[in-house]
Amino acid sequence: MSTFDALRHALRAQMRRPLESALLILAIALGTGVMVPLVGRTVLQARQDASLESGPELREITVQLKKDDYNSLYAGGKNLPLVEIGRVGQPEAKFKPSDLERLKAGVSGVGWAYREYFDQVNEVGNALLGKGVEVHPVTRGFLEASQLKLVAGAWPSPRDFEQKRNLLILSEWGAKKRFGQINPIGQTLTLRNSFGGMGDERYTVAAVFAPPLGNRFRSETSPFGLVALVPMGSGKGVFYEDPTLRSILLMPSPGSDLNLTQAAVRDFVAKTYGPSVSVRSKLEEQRNYHATQKAVTWVMLLFAAGGLLLAALNVTRLVLARVVATRRQTGI
């Protein structure tokens, strides 16, 4: 019997039992349609977990006062532990700028200690852009820890950071978007706070950088017109700088083990600042998120497998009922 004849006979058999055939096809289609994407998602997450530590941003460790750490607000679960933010009779922990060097020198495996935060401002007189500027005030250590590649100009010197000069470090795609073919180095931009009422500040473009793969500054689909770095403390009329130092960021040295370094940081922080300071890393948060996603995926897989099994059992029951009815009709 040729393949064509086999297909023709199979099609005739399906046409004689349209309901059973339709249910069988539907069960296979639904089961396969649910199982394949979920299995693919599980494999993809496993690959992502294996490559998490390759990105420098995920290795960043945050040392923060617990009273200002809102990360716990996004935690899930029924039995969340109480968080100790201090003890009676102990002075409240406070950070000073000198604590950056203190943490870097006090913990082996820490390569850089720095600060960084985010603000949104507007460029005055730039009607063509029509969007805000995403600005990240940073300290000097951030430039080295983030593995940014210098494309044009020169990095601001340590003295520039100490004097809090109004210098702008643009991302490469932002510089092309704003200045086109014009050399951006030496160009000036006048920035104004998005909320107004704080005055304007003129900034000079000192450098253009290219972020590494996976870096958050790499996206060319940012809702802002430009992404830029500035020395922390510059632009007093534009950026609101909280006088209270609430967090310090640490980056482990290249090749150091993140888990060991983070454990050493926790030990040093507990001895130095007491229980009112938290230590966490983006990699740790990412792993927790992926662990939650894995649990959800496995639950969905179990439901899909259970549904496929029930559908197969129902189809089998219908087929057996059909066989029994045929036997009765033929007197077997």
C-alpha atoms as a PDB file:
ATOM      1  CA  MET A   1       0.000   0.000   0.000  1.00  0.00           C
ATOM      2  CA  SER A   2       1.381   3.359  -1.013  1.00  0.00           C
ATOM      3  CA  THR A   3       1.579   6.357   1.298  1.00  0.00           C
ATOM      4  CA  PHE A   4      -1.223   8.029  -0.640  1.00  0.00           C
ATOM      5  CA  ASP A   5      -3.511   5.008  -0.152  1.00  0.00           C
ATOM      6  CA  ALA A   6      -2.724   4.938   3.581  1.00  0.00           C
ATOM      7  CA  LEU A   7      -3.602   8.618   3.919  1.00  0.00           C
ATOM      8  CA  ARG A   8      -6.796   8.099   1.931  1.00  0.00           C
ATOM      9  CA  HIS A   9      -7.942   5.228   4.169  1.00  0.00           C
ATOM     10  CA  ALA A  10      -7.044   7.207   7.306  1.00  0.00           C
ATOM     11  CA  LEU A  11      -9.073  10.159   6.041  1.00  0.00           C
ATOM     12  CA  ARG A  12     -12.056   7.894   5.370  1.00  0.00           C
ATOM     13  CA  ALA A  13     -11.832   6.496   8.907  1.00  0.00           C
ATOM     14  CA  GLN A  14     -11.789  10.013  10.351  1.00  0.00           C
ATOM     15  CA  MET A  15     -14.773  11.048   8.259  1.00  0.00           C
ATOM     16  CA  ARG A  16     -16.762   8.068   9.588  1.00  0.00           C
ATOM     17  CA  ARG A  17     -16.024   9.241  13.182  1.00  0.00           C
ATOM     18  CA  PRO A  18     -15.905  13.033  12.922  1.00  0.00           C
ATOM     19  CA  LEU A  19     -16.564  13.754  16.615  1.00  0.00           C
ATOM     20  CA  GLU A  20     -13.949  11.359  17.943  1.00  0.00           C
ATOM     21  CA  SER A  21     -11.395  12.526  15.364  1.00  0.00           C
ATOM     22  CA  ALA A  22     -12.027  16.192  16.140  1.00  0.00           C
ATOM     23  CA  LEU A  23     -11.662  15.605  19.885  1.00  0.00           C
ATOM     24  CA  LEU A  24      -8.439  13.675  19.377  1.00  0.00           C
ATOM     25  CA  ILE A  25      -6.917  16.385  17.168  1.00  0.00           C
ATOM     26  CA  LEU A  26      -8.052  19.122  19.547  1.00  0.00           C
ATOM     27  CA  ALA A  27      -6.561  17.347  22.574  1.00  0.00           C
ATOM     28  CA  ILE A  28      -3.209  16.870  20.855  1.00  0.00           C
ATOM     29  CA  ALA A  29      -3.168  20.457  19.567  1.00  0.00           C
ATOM     30  CA  LEU A  30      -4.030  21.993  22.943  1.00  0.00           C
ATOM     31  CA  GLY A  31      -1.582  19.831  24.856  1.00  0.00           C
ATOM     32  CA  THR A  32       1.257  20.469  22.427  1.00  0.00           C
ATOM     33  CA  GLY A  33       0.428  24.163  22.147  1.00  0.00           C
ATOM     34  CA  VAL A  34       0.677  24.612  25.916  1.00  0.00           C
ATOM     35  CA  MET A  35       3.564  22.272  26.700  1.00  0.00           C
ATOM     36  CA  VAL A  36       6.029  23.367  24.008  1.00  0.00           C
ATOM     37  CA  PRO A  37       6.118  27.110  24.926  1.00  0.00           C
ATOM     38  CA  LEU A  38       6.400  26.293  28.635  1.00  0.00           C
ATOM     39  CA  VAL A  39       9.260  23.859  28.084  1.00  0.00           C
ATOM     40  CA  GLY A  40      10.976  26.421  25.851  1.00  0.00           C
ATOM     41  CA  ARG A  41      10.541  29.056  28.536  1.00  0.00           C
ATOM     42  CA  THR A  42      12.067  26.742  31.149  1.00  0.00           C
ATOM     43  CA  VAL A  43      15.103  26.056  28.956  1.00  0.00           C
ATOM     44  CA  LEU A  44      15.529  29.785  28.248  1.00  0.00           C
ATOM     45  CA  GLN A  45      15.430  30.635  31.952  1.00  0.00           C
ATOM     46  CA  ALA A  46      18.042  27.961  32.656  1.00  0.00           C
ATOM     47  CA  ARG A  47      20.351  29.539  30.081  1.00  0.00           C
ATOM     48  CA  GLN A  48      19.739  32.991  31.533  1.00  0.00           C
ATOM     49  CA  ASP A  49      20.559  31.749  35.022  1.00  0.00           C
ATOM     50  CA  ALA A  50      23.844  30.310  33.751  1.00  0.00           C
ATOM     51  CA  SER A  51      24.882  33.674  32.260  1.00  0.00           C
ATOM     52  CA  LEU A  52      23.669  35.996  35.014  1.00  0.00           C
ATOM     53  CA  GLU A  53      27.092  36.765  36.449  1.00  0.00           C
ATOM     54  CA  SER A  54      28.501  37.825  33.073  1.00  0.00           C
ATOM     55  CA  GLY A  55      26.928  41.302  33.311  1.00  0.00           C
ATOM     56  CA  PRO A  56      28.695  43.795  35.602  1.00  0.00           C
ATOM     57  CA  GLU A  57      25.417  45.484  36.555  1.00  0.00           C
ATOM     58  CA  LEU A  58      24.039  42.295  38.099  1.00  0.00           C
ATOM     59  CA  ARG A  59      27.164  41.991  40.273  1.00  0.00           C
ATOM     60  CA  GLU A  60      26.501  45.369  41.866  1.00  0.00           C
ATOM     61  CA  ILE A  61      25.998  45.207  45.651  1.00  0.00           C
ATOM     62  CA  THR A  62      23.799  47.772  47.415  1.00  0.00           C
ATOM     63  CA  VAL A  63      24.472  48.768  51.018  1.00  0.00           C
ATOM     64  CA  GLN A  64      21.431  50.691  52.237  1.00  0.00           C
ATOM     65  CA  LEU A  65      19.746  51.891  55.394  1.00  0.00           C
ATOM     66  CA  LYS A  66      16.886  49.468  56.032  1.00  0.00           C
ATOM     67  CA  LYS A  67      14.420  52.244  56.757  1.00  0.00           C
ATOM     68  CA  ASP A  68      14.962  53.503  53.196  1.00  0.00           C
ATOM     69  CA  ASP A  69      15.074  50.073  51.551  1.00  0.00           C
ATOM     70  CA  TYR A  70      11.721  49.666  49.822  1.00  0.00           C
ATOM     71  CA  ASN A  71      12.745  46.461  48.068  1.00  0.00           C
ATOM     72  CA  SER A  72      10.852  44.407  50.669  1.00  0.00           C
ATOM     73  CA  LEU A  73       7.593  46.032  49.564  1.00  0.00           C
ATOM     74  CA  TYR A  74       7.791  44.003  46.347  1.00  0.00           C
ATOM     75  CA  ALA A  75       8.554  40.698  48.061  1.00  0.00           C
ATOM     76  CA  GLY A  76       5.920  37.990  47.960  1.00  0.00           C
ATOM     77  CA  GLY A  77       4.913  35.138  50.224  1.00  0.00           C
ATOM     78  CA  LYS A  78       2.748  34.658  53.301  1.00  0.00           C
ATOM     79  CA  ASN A  79       5.388  34.278  55.999  1.00  0.00           C
ATOM     80  CA  LEU A  80       7.648  37.290  55.490  1.00  0.00           C
ATOM     81  CA  PRO A  81      10.023  37.789  58.443  1.00  0.00           C
ATOM     82  CA  LEU A  82      10.116  40.936  60.535  1.00  0.00           C
ATOM     83  CA  VAL A  83      12.902  43.306  59.514  1.00  0.00           C
ATOM     84  CA  GLU A  84      15.067  44.691  62.296  1.00  0.00           C
ATOM     85  CA  ILE A  85      15.892  48.332  61.539  1.00  0.00           C
ATOM     86  CA  GLY A  86      17.552  49.201  64.833  1.00  0.00           C
ATOM     87  CA  ARG A  87      17.829  48.524  68.527  1.00  0.00           C
ATOM     88  CA  VAL A  88      16.859  50.542  71.560  1.00  0.00           C
ATOM     89  CA  GLY A  89      19.834  52.422  72.953  1.00  0.00           C
ATOM     90  CA  GLN A  90      21.905  52.152  69.762  1.00  0.00           C
ATOM     91  CA  PRO A  91      22.571  55.271  67.691  1.00  0.00           C
ATOM     92  CA  GLU A  92      20.987  55.342  64.260  1.00  0.00           C
ATOM     93  CA  ALA A  93      23.369  54.286  61.490  1.00  0.00           C
ATOM     94  CA  LYS A  94      24.329  57.058  59.077  1.00  0.00           C
ATOM     95  CA  PHE A  95      26.537  57.076  56.012  1.00  0.00           C
ATOM     96  CA  LYS A  96      29.157  59.704  55.227  1.00  0.00           C
ATOM     97  CA  PRO A  97      31.075  60.232  51.958  1.00  0.00           C
ATOM     98  CA  SER A  98      34.140  58.766  53.683  1.00  0.00           C
ATOM     99  CA  ASP A  99      32.252  55.472  54.076  1.00  0.00           C
ATOM    100  CA  LEU A 100      32.781  54.754  50.362  1.00  0.00           C
ATOM    101  CA  GLU A 101      36.506  54.334  50.905  1.00  0.00           C
ATOM    102  CA  ARG A 102      35.880  52.671  54.254  1.00  0.00           C
ATOM    103  CA  LEU A 103      33.816  49.908  52.672  1.00  0.00           C
ATOM    104  CA  LYS A 104      36.188  49.489  49.749  1.00  0.00           C
ATOM    105  CA  ALA A 105      39.223  49.154  52.026  1.00  0.00           C
ATOM    106  CA  GLY A 106      37.478  47.073  54.674  1.00  0.00           C
ATOM    107  CA  VAL A 107      36.207  44.233  52.479  1.00  0.00           C
ATOM    108  CA  SER A 108      38.477  42.096  50.335  1.00  0.00           C
ATOM    109  CA  GLY A 109      37.049  41.446  46.902  1.00  0.00           C
ATOM    110  CA  VAL A 110      35.470  44.905  46.535  1.00  0.00           C
ATOM    111  CA  GLY A 111      36.988  46.777  43.604  1.00  0.00           C
ATOM    112  CA  TRP A 112      34.940  49.981  43.600  1.00  0.00           C
ATOM    113  CA  ALA A 113      32.612  51.931  45.858  1.00  0.00           C
ATOM    114  CA  TYR A 114      30.480  54.673  44.356  1.00  0.00           C
ATOM    115  CA  ARG A 115      27.139  56.435  44.273  1.00  0.00           C
ATOM    116  CA  GLU A 116      24.583  56.842  41.518  1.00  0.00           C
ATOM    117  CA  TYR A 117      20.991  57.956  41.230  1.00  0.00           C
ATOM    118  CA  PHE A 118      18.582  58.943  38.504  1.00  0.00           C
ATOM    119  CA  ASP A 119      16.884  62.216  37.613  1.00  0.00           C
ATOM    120  CA  GLN A 120      14.930  63.561  34.666  1.00  0.00           C
ATOM    121  CA  VAL A 121      15.494  67.080  33.370  1.00  0.00           C
ATOM    122  CA  ASN A 122      14.651  69.043  30.246  1.00  0.00           C
ATOM    123  CA  GLU A 123      16.935  70.680  27.714  1.00  0.00           C
ATOM    124  CA  VAL A 124      16.073  74.365  27.400  1.00  0.00           C
ATOM    125  CA  GLY A 125      15.340  75.598  23.878  1.00  0.00           C
ATOM    126  CA  ASN A 126      15.482  72.229  22.150  1.00  0.00           C
ATOM    127  CA  ALA A 127      12.094  72.072  20.490  1.00  0.00           C
ATOM    128  CA  LEU A 128      13.304  69.518  17.928  1.00  0.00           C
ATOM    129  CA  LEU A 129      14.052  66.880  20.549  1.00  0.00           C
ATOM    130  CA  GLY A 130      10.825  67.377  22.422  1.00  0.00           C
ATOM    131  CA  LYS A 131      11.782  64.943  25.188  1.00  0.00           C
ATOM    132  CA  GLY A 132      13.495  64.963  28.539  1.00  0.00           C
ATOM    133  CA  VAL A 133      17.065  64.061  29.391  1.00  0.00           C
ATOM    134  CA  GLU A 134      17.743  61.007  31.541  1.00  0.00           C
ATOM    135  CA  VAL A 135      20.622  62.074  33.774  1.00  0.00           C
ATOM    136  CA  HIS A 136      22.570  59.926  36.247  1.00  0.00           C
ATOM    137  CA  PRO A 137      24.675  61.893  38.752  1.00  0.00           C
ATOM    138  CA  VAL A 138      27.582  59.604  39.664  1.00  0.00           C
ATOM    139  CA  THR A 139      30.843  59.559  41.572  1.00  0.00           C
ATOM    140  CA  ARG A 140      34.151  58.814  39.835  1.00  0.00           C
ATOM    141  CA  GLY A 141      34.226  55.110  40.730  1.00  0.00           C
ATOM    142  CA  PHE A 142      31.064  54.471  38.729  1.00  0.00           C
ATOM    143  CA  LEU A 143      32.839  55.090  35.418  1.00  0.00           C
ATOM    144  CA  GLU A 144      35.424  52.364  36.056  1.00  0.00           C
ATOM    145  CA  ALA A 145      33.047  49.876  37.699  1.00  0.00           C
ATOM    146  CA  SER A 146      30.540  50.011  34.827  1.00  0.00           C
ATOM    147  CA  GLN A 147      33.150  49.104  32.185  1.00  0.00           C
ATOM    148  CA  LEU A 148      32.100  51.966  29.942  1.00  0.00           C
ATOM    149  CA  LYS A 149      34.126  52.386  26.745  1.00  0.00           C
ATOM    150  CA  LEU A 150      35.339  55.887  25.909  1.00  0.00           C
ATOM    151  CA  VAL A 151      34.376  56.755  22.319  1.00  0.00           C
ATOM    152  CA  ALA A 152      35.227  60.465  22.149  1.00  0.00           C
ATOM    153  CA  GLY A 153      36.618  63.191  24.408  1.00  0.00           C
ATOM    154  CA  ALA A 154      38.135  62.460  27.820  1.00  0.00           C
ATOM    155  CA  TRP A 155      36.733  61.240  31.117  1.00  0.00           C
ATOM    156  CA  PRO A 156      36.321  63.992  33.718  1.00  0.00           C
ATOM    157  CA  SER A 157      39.309  63.926  36.067  1.00  0.00           C
ATOM    158  CA  PRO A 158      39.102  63.200  39.807  1.00  0.00           C
ATOM    159  CA  ARG A 159      39.547  66.950  40.312  1.00  0.00           C
ATOM    160  CA  ASP A 160      36.546  67.628  38.058  1.00  0.00           C
ATOM    161  CA  PHE A 161      34.475  65.371  40.300  1.00  0.00           C
ATOM    162  CA  GLU A 162      35.816  67.014  43.443  1.00  0.00           C
ATOM    163  CA  GLN A 163      34.984  70.475  42.103  1.00  0.00           C
ATOM    164  CA  LYS A 164      31.596  69.213  40.869  1.00  0.00           C
ATOM    165  CA  ARG A 165      32.033  70.806  37.460  1.00  0.00           C
ATOM    166  CA  ASN A 166      29.116  70.957  35.020  1.00  0.00           C
ATOM    167  CA  LEU A 167      30.378  68.311  32.608  1.00  0.00           C
ATOM    168  CA  LEU A 168      28.197  65.963  30.576  1.00  0.00           C
ATOM    169  CA  ILE A 169      29.058  62.396  29.528  1.00  0.00           C
ATOM    170  CA  LEU A 170      26.706  61.296  26.753  1.00  0.00           C
ATOM    171  CA  SER A 171      25.897  57.799  25.563  1.00  0.00           C
ATOM    172  CA  GLU A 172      27.004  57.161  21.993  1.00  0.00           C
ATOM    173  CA  TRP A 173      23.513  56.704  20.579  1.00  0.00           C
ATOM    174  CA  GLY A 174      22.292  59.775  22.480  1.00  0.00           C
ATOM    175  CA  ALA A 175      25.095  61.912  21.058  1.00  0.00           C
ATOM    176  CA  LYS A 176      24.240  60.805  17.505  1.00  0.00           C
ATOM    177  CA  LYS A 177      20.561  61.456  18.116  1.00  0.00           C
ATOM    178  CA  ARG A 178      21.171  64.939  19.513  1.00  0.00           C
ATOM    179  CA  PHE A 179      24.091  66.227  17.398  1.00  0.00           C
ATOM    180  CA  GLY A 180      24.023  64.034  14.288  1.00  0.00           C
ATOM    181  CA  GLN A 181      27.298  64.395  12.350  1.00  0.00           C
ATOM    182  CA  ILE A 182      28.505  67.310  14.495  1.00  0.00           C
ATOM    183  CA  ASN A 183      31.300  66.573  16.953  1.00  0.00           C
ATOM    184  CA  PRO A 184      29.559  66.681  20.355  1.00  0.00           C
ATOM    185  CA  ILE A 185      32.723  67.340  22.396  1.00  0.00           C
ATOM    186  CA  GLY A 186      32.686  70.922  23.660  1.00  0.00           C
ATOM    187  CA  GLN A 187      29.035  71.479  22.786  1.00  0.00           C
ATOM    188  CA  THR A 188      26.849  72.919  25.526  1.00  0.00           C
ATOM    189  CA  LEU A 189      23.357  72.032  26.717  1.00  0.00           C
ATOM    190  CA  THR A 190      21.262  74.097  29.096  1.00  0.00           C
ATOM    191  CA  LEU A 191      19.346  71.870  31.482  1.00  0.00           C
ATOM    192  CA  ARG A 192      16.301  72.659  33.600  1.00  0.00           C
ATOM    193  CA  ASN A 193      14.612  70.599  36.281  1.00  0.00           C
ATOM    194  CA  SER A 194      11.417  68.930  35.087  1.00  0.00           C
ATOM    195  CA  PHE A 195       9.463  70.414  38.002  1.00  0.00           C
ATOM    196  CA  GLY A 196      10.791  73.934  37.337  1.00  0.00           C
ATOM    197  CA  GLY A 197      11.572  76.646  39.847  1.00  0.00           C
ATOM    198  CA  MET A 198      15.193  75.601  40.481  1.00  0.00           C
ATOM    199  CA  GLY A 199      16.979  77.558  37.763  1.00  0.00           C
ATOM    200  CA  ASP A 200      18.969  76.523  34.700  1.00  0.00           C
ATOM    201  CA  GLU A 201      22.493  75.128  34.431  1.00  0.00           C
ATOM    202  CA  ARG A 202      24.743  75.016  31.363  1.00  0.00           C
ATOM    203  CA  TYR A 203      26.664  71.767  30.845  1.00  0.00           C
ATOM    204  CA  THR A 204      29.579  71.091  28.501  1.00  0.00           C
ATOM    205  CA  VAL A 205      29.890  67.720  26.767  1.00  0.00           C
ATOM    206  CA  ALA A 206      33.234  66.252  27.907  1.00  0.00           C
ATOM    207  CA  ALA A 207      33.001  62.654  26.711  1.00  0.00           C
ATOM    208  CA  VAL A 208      30.964  60.111  24.775  1.00  0.00           C
ATOM    209  CA  PHE A 209      30.780  56.508  25.948  1.00  0.00           C
ATOM    210  CA  ALA A 210      29.635  53.159  24.572  1.00  0.00           C
ATOM    211  CA  PRO A 211      28.096  50.861  27.190  1.00  0.00           C
ATOM    212  CA  PRO A 212      28.866  47.117  27.183  1.00  0.00           C
ATOM    213  CA  LEU A 213      26.316  44.514  26.123  1.00  0.00           C
ATOM    214  CA  GLY A 214      23.448  44.183  28.570  1.00  0.00           C
ATOM    215  CA  ASN A 215      24.064  47.594  30.098  1.00  0.00           C
ATOM    216  CA  ARG A 216      20.934  49.634  30.814  1.00  0.00           C
ATOM    217  CA  PHE A 217      22.387  52.669  29.005  1.00  0.00           C
ATOM    218  CA  ARG A 218      22.589  50.700  25.765  1.00  0.00           C
ATOM    219  CA  SER A 219      18.889  50.801  24.843  1.00  0.00           C
ATOM    220  CA  GLU A 220      18.166  53.014  21.861  1.00  0.00           C
ATOM    221  CA  THR A 221      14.445  52.912  22.611  1.00  0.00           C
ATOM    222  CA  SER A 222      14.687  55.036  25.755  1.00  0.00           C
ATOM    223  CA  PRO A 223      11.614  57.245  26.260  1.00  0.00           C
ATOM    224  CA  PHE A 224      14.074  60.090  26.877  1.00  0.00           C
ATOM    225  CA  GLY A 225      15.868  62.001  24.173  1.00  0.00           C
ATOM    226  CA  LEU A 226      19.284  61.653  25.803  1.00  0.00           C
ATOM    227  CA  VAL A 227      21.002  59.559  28.446  1.00  0.00           C
ATOM    228  CA  ALA A 228      23.885  61.239  30.232  1.00  0.00           C
ATOM    229  CA  LEU A 229      26.173  60.993  33.264  1.00  0.00           C
ATOM    230  CA  VAL A 230      27.242  64.018  35.305  1.00  0.00           C
ATOM    231  CA  PRO A 231      29.543  64.491  38.340  1.00  0.00           C
ATOM    232  CA  MET A 232      27.508  64.081  41.505  1.00  0.00           C
ATOM    233  CA  GLY A 233      26.878  67.420  43.192  1.00  0.00           C
ATOM    234  CA  SER A 234      27.049  69.468  39.981  1.00  0.00           C
ATOM    235  CA  GLY A 235      24.125  71.495  38.716  1.00  0.00           C
ATOM    236  CA  LYS A 236      22.820  72.704  42.057  1.00  0.00           C
ATOM    237  CA  GLY A 237      20.050  74.576  40.250  1.00  0.00           C
ATOM    238  CA  VAL A 238      18.916  71.480  38.341  1.00  0.00           C
ATOM    239  CA  PHE A 239      19.350  68.346  40.405  1.00  0.00           C
ATOM    240  CA  TYR A 240      17.909  67.788  43.833  1.00  0.00           C
ATOM    241  CA  GLU A 241      20.562  66.106  45.932  1.00  0.00           C
ATOM    242  CA  ASP A 242      19.373  64.552  49.173  1.00  0.00           C
ATOM    243  CA  PRO A 243      21.835  65.654  51.876  1.00  0.00           C
ATOM    244  CA  THR A 244      21.292  62.291  53.589  1.00  0.00           C
ATOM    245  CA  LEU A 245      23.522  59.549  52.186  1.00  0.00           C
ATOM    246  CA  ARG A 246      21.096  56.638  52.126  1.00  0.00           C
ATOM    247  CA  SER A 247      22.970  53.997  50.112  1.00  0.00           C
ATOM    248  CA  ILE A 248      26.399  53.030  48.797  1.00  0.00           C
ATOM    249  CA  LEU A 249      27.030  50.855  45.752  1.00  0.00           C
ATOM    250  CA  LEU A 250      29.863  48.329  45.597  1.00  0.00           C
ATOM    251  CA  MET A 251      31.287  46.430  42.636  1.00  0.00           C
ATOM    252  CA  PRO A 252      33.351  43.266  43.234  1.00  0.00           C
ATOM    253  CA  SER A 253      36.771  43.089  41.609  1.00  0.00           C
ATOM    254  CA  PRO A 254      36.959  41.215  38.270  1.00  0.00           C
ATOM    255  CA  GLY A 255      37.309  37.493  38.873  1.00  0.00           C
ATOM    256  CA  SER A 256      36.175  37.637  42.503  1.00  0.00           C
ATOM    257  CA  ASP A 257      33.359  35.382  43.653  1.00  0.00           C
ATOM    258  CA  LEU A 258      30.191  37.420  44.108  1.00  0.00           C
ATOM    259  CA  ASN A 259      28.706  35.178  46.803  1.00  0.00           C
ATOM    260  CA  LEU A 260      31.879  35.260  48.921  1.00  0.00           C
ATOM    261  CA  THR A 261      32.255  39.010  48.457  1.00  0.00           C
ATOM    262  CA  GLN A 262      28.630  39.661  49.364  1.00  0.00           C
ATOM    263  CA  ALA A 263      28.974  37.490  52.480  1.00  0.00           C
ATOM    264  CA  ALA A 264      32.098  39.448  53.481  1.00  0.00           C
ATOM    265  CA  VAL A 265      30.246  42.737  52.932  1.00  0.00           C
ATOM    266  CA  ARG A 266      27.345  41.565  55.103  1.00  0.00           C
ATOM    267  CA  ASP A 267      29.736  40.566  57.875  1.00  0.00           C
ATOM    268  CA  PHE A 268      31.641  43.864  57.732  1.00  0.00           C
ATOM    269  CA  VAL A 269      28.433  45.934  57.600  1.00  0.00           C
ATOM    270  CA  ALA A 270      26.897  44.066  60.552  1.00  0.00           C
ATOM    271  CA  LYS A 271      29.986  44.672  62.679  1.00  0.00           C
ATOM    272  CA  THR A 272      30.446  48.296  61.589  1.00  0.00           C
ATOM    273  CA  TYR A 273      26.905  49.669  61.271  1.00  0.00           C
ATOM    274  CA  GLY A 274      24.742  47.212  63.200  1.00  0.00           C
ATOM    275  CA  PRO A 275      21.407  45.654  62.166  1.00  0.00           C
ATOM    276  CA  SER A 276      19.914  48.800  60.628  1.00  0.00           C
ATOM    277  CA  VAL A 277      21.749  48.407  57.281  1.00  0.00           C
ATOM    278  CA  SER A 278      20.807  45.927  54.535  1.00  0.00           C
ATOM    279  CA  VAL A 279      23.046  44.327  51.901  1.00  0.00           C
ATOM    280  CA  ARG A 280      21.700  42.938  48.635  1.00  0.00           C
ATOM    281  CA  SER A 281      22.784  42.491  45.028  1.00  0.00           C
ATOM    282  CA  LYS A 282      20.951  42.750  41.738  1.00  0.00           C
ATOM    283  CA  LEU A 283      22.064  39.223  40.900  1.00  0.00           C
ATOM    284  CA  GLU A 284      20.439  37.976  44.092  1.00  0.00           C
ATOM    285  CA  GLU A 285      17.204  39.784  43.219  1.00  0.00           C
ATOM    286  CA  GLN A 286      17.336  38.389  39.685  1.00  0.00           C
ATOM    287  CA  ARG A 287      17.837  34.861  40.962  1.00  0.00           C
ATOM    288  CA  ASN A 288      14.906  35.198  43.357  1.00  0.00           C
ATOM    289  CA  TYR A 289      12.739  36.486  40.517  1.00  0.00           C
ATOM    290  CA  HIS A 290      13.755  33.602  38.243  1.00  0.00           C
ATOM    291  CA  ALA A 291      13.132  31.100  41.036  1.00  0.00           C
ATOM    292  CA  THR A 292       9.596  32.468  41.391  1.00  0.00           C
ATOM    293  CA  GLN A 293       9.093  32.286  37.629  1.00  0.00           C
ATOM    294  CA  LYS A 294      10.340  28.695  37.586  1.00  0.00           C
ATOM    295  CA  ALA A 295       7.813  27.722  40.252  1.00  0.00           C
ATOM    296  CA  VAL A 296       4.995  29.341  38.249  1.00  0.00           C
ATOM    297  CA  THR A 297       6.172  27.619  35.060  1.00  0.00           C
ATOM    298  CA  TRP A 298       6.226  24.176  36.701  1.00  0.00           C
ATOM    299  CA  VAL A 299       2.711  24.695  38.076  1.00  0.00           C
ATOM    300  CA  MET A 300       1.509  25.636  34.588  1.00  0.00           C
ATOM    301  CA  LEU A 301       3.266  22.584  33.152  1.00  0.00           C
ATOM    302  CA  LEU A 302       1.544  20.316  35.667  1.00  0.00           C
ATOM    303  CA  PHE A 303      -1.856  21.801  34.844  1.00  0.00           C
ATOM    304  CA  ALA A 304      -1.176  21.446  31.109  1.00  0.00           C
ATOM    305  CA  ALA A 305      -0.013  17.852  31.520  1.00  0.00           C
ATOM    306  CA  GLY A 306      -3.051  17.074  33.667  1.00  0.00           C
ATOM    307  CA  GLY A 307      -5.383  18.587  31.082  1.00  0.00           C
ATOM    308  CA  LEU A 308      -3.705  16.650  28.288  1.00  0.00           C
ATOM    309  CA  LEU A 309      -3.985  13.417  30.274  1.00  0.00           C
ATOM    310  CA  LEU A 310      -7.699  13.999  30.981  1.00  0.00           C
ATOM    311  CA  ALA A 311      -8.330  14.768  27.314  1.00  0.00           C
ATOM    312  CA  ALA A 312      -6.506  11.605  26.268  1.00  0.00           C
ATOM    313  CA  LEU A 313      -8.504   9.507  28.771  1.00  0.00           C
ATOM    314  CA  ASN A 314     -11.789  10.955  27.500  1.00  0.00           C
ATOM    315  CA  VAL A 315     -10.851  10.278  23.889  1.00  0.00           C
ATOM    316  CA  THR A 316      -9.833   6.719  24.842  1.00  0.00           C
ATOM    317  CA  ARG A 317     -13.187   6.221  26.593  1.00  0.00           C
ATOM    318  CA  LEU A 318     -15.052   7.414  23.495  1.00  0.00           C
ATOM    319  CA  VAL A 319     -13.049   5.110  21.231  1.00  0.00           C
ATOM    320  CA  LEU A 320     -13.672   2.114  23.513  1.00  0.00           C
ATOM    321  CA  ALA A 321     -17.371   2.914  23.618  1.00  0.00           C
ATOM    322  CA  ARG A 322     -17.366   2.986  19.827  1.00  0.00           C
ATOM    323  CA  VAL A 323     -15.619  -0.397  19.684  1.00  0.00           C
ATOM    324  CA  VAL A 324     -18.134  -1.940  22.111  1.00  0.00           C
ATOM    325  CA  ALA A 325     -21.030  -0.567  20.072  1.00  0.00           C
ATOM    326  CA  THR A 326     -19.527  -1.981  16.865  1.00  0.00           C
ATOM    327  CA  ARG A 327     -19.123  -5.413  18.472  1.00  0.00           C
ATOM    328  CA  ARG A 328     -22.745  -5.430  19.551  1.00  0.00           C
ATOM    329  CA  GLN A 329     -23.904  -4.498  16.067  1.00  0.00           C
ATOM    330  CA  THR A 330     -21.836  -7.234  14.422  1.00  0.00           C
ATOM    331  CA  GLY A 331     -22.608  -9.829  17.100  1.00  0.00           C
ATOM    332  CA  ILE A 332     -19.008 -10.411  18.146  1.00  0.00           C
END
